């Protein structure tokens, strides 16, 4: 695939991410995204069926970027609890606007559930990798609850205590230490 086409998809992703997080799902049109990306609307429709398809692709790609960052930390053996949780914290803060869009705009409930399950699956994979390296041990019966707790706590702390990022991360590290 030529690099020119790759760059178009990247432009579409960047423009969509920016607009969806700034304006919300309902207020953004395919025409606005095309203009922001410097493309024609027809070109945009060559890559995505509709706005919902584009939004879900943006959300999925954002989650995959987060996963790749955390997975790379594990693969390089640079993972320690603080850096892992700090990176997860930063990524959830970056993605929280897309999450808010899903909640605020009441998008198709089934699609939201699919994306939530996808996120949980990605984090679950990271937990299993950390366990294989003996960096983390969470009882099987507590894995899903721990993952959900961590994601919800990060989201909530970032919203409730935005100026206390370091304290939030240290608290989460202590919490994970107690669980594991």
Protein backbone atom coordinates (compact mmCIF):
# COMPACT_ATOMS: atom_id res chain seq x y z
CA UNK A 1 0.00 0.00 0.00
CA UNK A 2 1.53 3.36 -0.99
CA UNK A 3 2.56 5.75 1.77
CA UNK A 4 0.27 8.43 0.31
CA UNK A 5 -2.78 6.32 1.18
CA UNK A 6 -1.40 5.57 4.65
CA UNK A 7 -1.06 9.29 5.29
CA UNK A 8 -4.69 9.88 4.28
CA UNK A 9 -5.88 7.40 6.88
CA UNK A 10 -3.61 9.03 9.47
CA UNK A 11 -5.01 12.48 8.60
CA UNK A 12 -8.55 11.16 8.90
CA UNK A 13 -7.75 9.58 12.27
CA UNK A 14 -6.13 12.74 13.66
CA UNK A 15 -8.92 15.02 12.43
CA UNK A 16 -11.62 12.68 13.73
CA UNK A 17 -9.99 12.25 17.14
CA UNK A 18 -9.64 16.02 17.50
CA UNK A 19 -13.22 16.78 16.45
CA UNK A 20 -14.91 13.98 18.38
CA UNK A 21 -13.11 14.90 21.60
CA UNK A 22 -13.76 18.64 21.18
CA UNK A 23 -17.33 18.67 19.90
CA UNK A 24 -18.83 15.28 20.68
CA UNK A 25 -20.29 12.69 18.38
CA UNK A 26 -23.62 14.33 17.45
CA UNK A 27 -22.11 17.72 16.54
CA UNK A 28 -19.48 16.30 14.18
CA UNK A 29 -20.33 15.58 10.57
CA UNK A 30 -18.44 13.68 7.92
CA UNK A 31 -18.13 16.99 6.05
CA UNK A 32 -16.42 18.59 9.09
CA UNK A 33 -14.00 15.67 9.37
CA UNK A 34 -13.19 15.81 5.66
CA UNK A 35 -12.53 19.57 5.89
CA UNK A 36 -10.37 19.15 9.00
CA UNK A 37 -8.36 16.41 7.25
CA UNK A 38 -8.08 18.43 4.03
CA UNK A 39 -10.00 15.87 1.98
CA UNK A 40 -13.22 15.69 0.03
CA UNK A 41 -16.23 14.02 1.67
CA UNK A 42 -16.21 11.43 -1.13
CA UNK A 43 -12.65 10.45 -0.28
CA UNK A 44 -13.64 10.06 3.37
CA UNK A 45 -16.48 7.72 2.39
CA UNK A 46 -13.99 5.64 0.38
CA UNK A 47 -12.38 4.70 3.70
CA UNK A 48 -15.33 4.62 6.14
CA UNK A 49 -18.97 3.63 5.65
CA UNK A 50 -20.40 6.33 7.92
CA UNK A 51 -19.67 8.45 10.97
CA UNK A 52 -20.32 5.63 13.43
CA UNK A 53 -17.91 3.34 11.55
CA UNK A 54 -15.29 6.09 11.61
CA UNK A 55 -15.82 6.82 15.32
CA UNK A 56 -15.50 3.16 16.27
CA UNK A 57 -12.35 2.84 14.18
CA UNK A 58 -10.85 5.89 15.88
CA UNK A 59 -11.73 4.50 19.30
CA UNK A 60 -10.36 1.05 18.48
CA UNK A 61 -7.14 2.45 17.02
CA UNK A 62 -6.67 4.64 20.11
CA UNK A 63 -7.07 1.59 22.35
CA UNK A 64 -4.61 -0.37 20.24
CA UNK A 65 -2.06 2.44 20.54
CA UNK A 66 -2.45 2.34 24.31
CA UNK A 67 -2.05 -1.43 24.30
CA UNK A 68 1.07 -1.22 22.11
CA UNK A 69 2.69 1.28 24.48
CA UNK A 70 2.00 -0.87 27.56
CA UNK A 71 2.89 -4.10 25.78
CA UNK A 72 6.23 -2.64 24.68
CA UNK A 73 7.00 -1.81 28.31
CA UNK A 74 6.38 -5.42 29.28
CA UNK A 75 8.37 -6.84 26.36
CA UNK A 76 11.39 -4.66 27.13
CA UNK A 77 11.28 -5.66 30.76
CA UNK A 78 11.02 -2.00 31.74
CA UNK A 79 7.75 -2.57 33.51
CA UNK A 80 7.56 -1.65 37.09
CA UNK A 81 4.28 -1.01 38.79
CA UNK A 82 4.66 2.75 38.94
CA UNK A 83 5.63 3.21 35.27
CA UNK A 84 2.98 0.78 34.11
CA UNK A 85 0.21 2.47 36.10
CA UNK A 86 1.50 5.96 35.19
CA UNK A 87 1.43 5.05 31.49
CA UNK A 88 -2.03 3.50 31.81
CA UNK A 89 -3.16 6.63 33.68
CA UNK A 90 -1.83 8.94 30.95
CA UNK A 91 -3.43 6.88 28.21
CA UNK A 92 -6.82 6.69 29.92
CA UNK A 93 -6.72 10.46 30.43
CA UNK A 94 -5.92 10.86 26.72
CA UNK A 95 -8.78 8.55 25.76
CA UNK A 96 -11.28 9.73 28.36
CA UNK A 97 -12.82 12.25 26.01
CA UNK A 98 -13.69 9.49 23.57
CA UNK A 99 -15.15 7.49 26.45
CA UNK A 100 -17.17 10.51 27.51
CA UNK A 101 -18.45 10.85 23.97
CA UNK A 102 -19.72 7.28 24.06
CA UNK A 103 -21.42 7.79 27.43
CA UNK A 104 -22.75 11.29 26.75
CA UNK A 105 -24.00 10.64 23.24
CA UNK A 106 -25.72 7.36 24.07
CA UNK A 107 -24.30 5.58 21.06
CA UNK A 108 -25.61 2.13 20.20
CA UNK A 109 -25.44 0.23 23.48
CA UNK A 110 -24.27 -2.98 21.81
CA UNK A 111 -21.37 -1.18 20.12
CA UNK A 112 -20.41 0.47 23.40
CA UNK A 113 -20.40 -2.93 25.11
CA UNK A 114 -18.20 -4.33 22.34
CA UNK A 115 -15.69 -1.51 22.78
CA UNK A 116 -15.72 -1.86 26.57
CA UNK A 117 -15.13 -5.60 26.25
CA UNK A 118 -12.34 -4.92 23.77
CA UNK A 119 -10.63 -2.55 26.23
CA UNK A 120 -10.98 -5.03 29.07
CA UNK A 121 -9.56 -7.77 26.85
CA UNK A 122 -6.51 -5.67 25.99
CA UNK A 123 -5.83 -4.88 29.65
CA UNK A 124 -6.44 -8.52 30.60
CA UNK A 125 -3.77 -9.58 28.08
CA UNK A 126 -1.33 -7.15 29.67
CA UNK A 127 -2.11 -8.53 33.14
CA UNK A 128 -1.43 -12.08 31.93
CA UNK A 129 1.87 -11.01 30.38
CA UNK A 130 2.91 -9.31 33.62
CA UNK A 131 2.02 -12.48 35.53
CA UNK A 132 4.13 -14.59 33.18
CA UNK A 133 7.10 -12.37 34.01
CA UNK A 134 6.29 -12.74 37.73
CA UNK A 135 5.77 -8.97 38.01
CA UNK A 136 2.20 -9.30 39.16
CA UNK A 137 0.04 -11.97 40.74
CA UNK A 138 -3.72 -11.44 40.93
CA UNK A 139 -5.99 -14.35 41.88
CA UNK A 140 -8.02 -15.49 38.85
CA UNK A 141 -11.32 -14.78 40.57
CA UNK A 142 -10.24 -11.14 41.10
CA UNK A 143 -8.70 -10.31 37.69
CA UNK A 144 -11.73 -8.77 36.00
CA UNK A 145 -12.72 -6.84 39.10
CA UNK A 146 -9.17 -5.54 39.54
CA UNK A 147 -8.98 -4.44 35.90
CA UNK A 148 -12.35 -2.67 36.08
CA UNK A 149 -11.45 -1.07 39.40
CA UNK A 150 -8.17 0.24 38.02
CA UNK A 151 -9.74 1.68 34.87
CA UNK A 152 -12.66 3.27 36.73
CA UNK A 153 -10.41 4.61 39.48
CA UNK A 154 -8.03 6.21 36.98
CA UNK A 155 -10.91 7.80 35.09
CA UNK A 156 -12.54 9.03 38.31
CA UNK A 157 -9.32 10.28 39.94
CA UNK A 158 -8.27 12.14 36.79
CA UNK A 159 -11.63 13.86 36.79
CA UNK A 160 -11.98 14.51 40.53
CA UNK A 161 -8.33 15.27 41.35
CA UNK A 162 -6.82 16.51 38.06
CA UNK A 163 -4.08 18.52 39.77
CA UNK A 164 -2.94 15.54 41.86
CA UNK A 165 -1.75 13.19 39.15
CA UNK A 166 1.33 11.92 41.03
CA UNK A 167 -0.65 11.32 44.21
CA UNK A 168 -3.31 9.50 42.20
CA UNK A 169 -0.72 7.21 40.59
CA UNK A 170 1.01 6.48 43.91
CA UNK A 171 -2.34 5.67 45.51
CA UNK A 172 -3.20 3.29 42.66
CA UNK A 173 0.19 1.59 43.02
CA UNK A 174 -0.42 1.06 46.73
CA UNK A 175 -3.88 -0.28 45.95
CA UNK A 176 -2.52 -2.78 43.41
CA UNK A 177 0.16 -3.82 45.92
CA UNK A 178 -2.56 -4.62 48.44
CA UNK A 179 -4.54 -6.65 45.91
CA UNK A 180 -1.63 -8.68 44.56
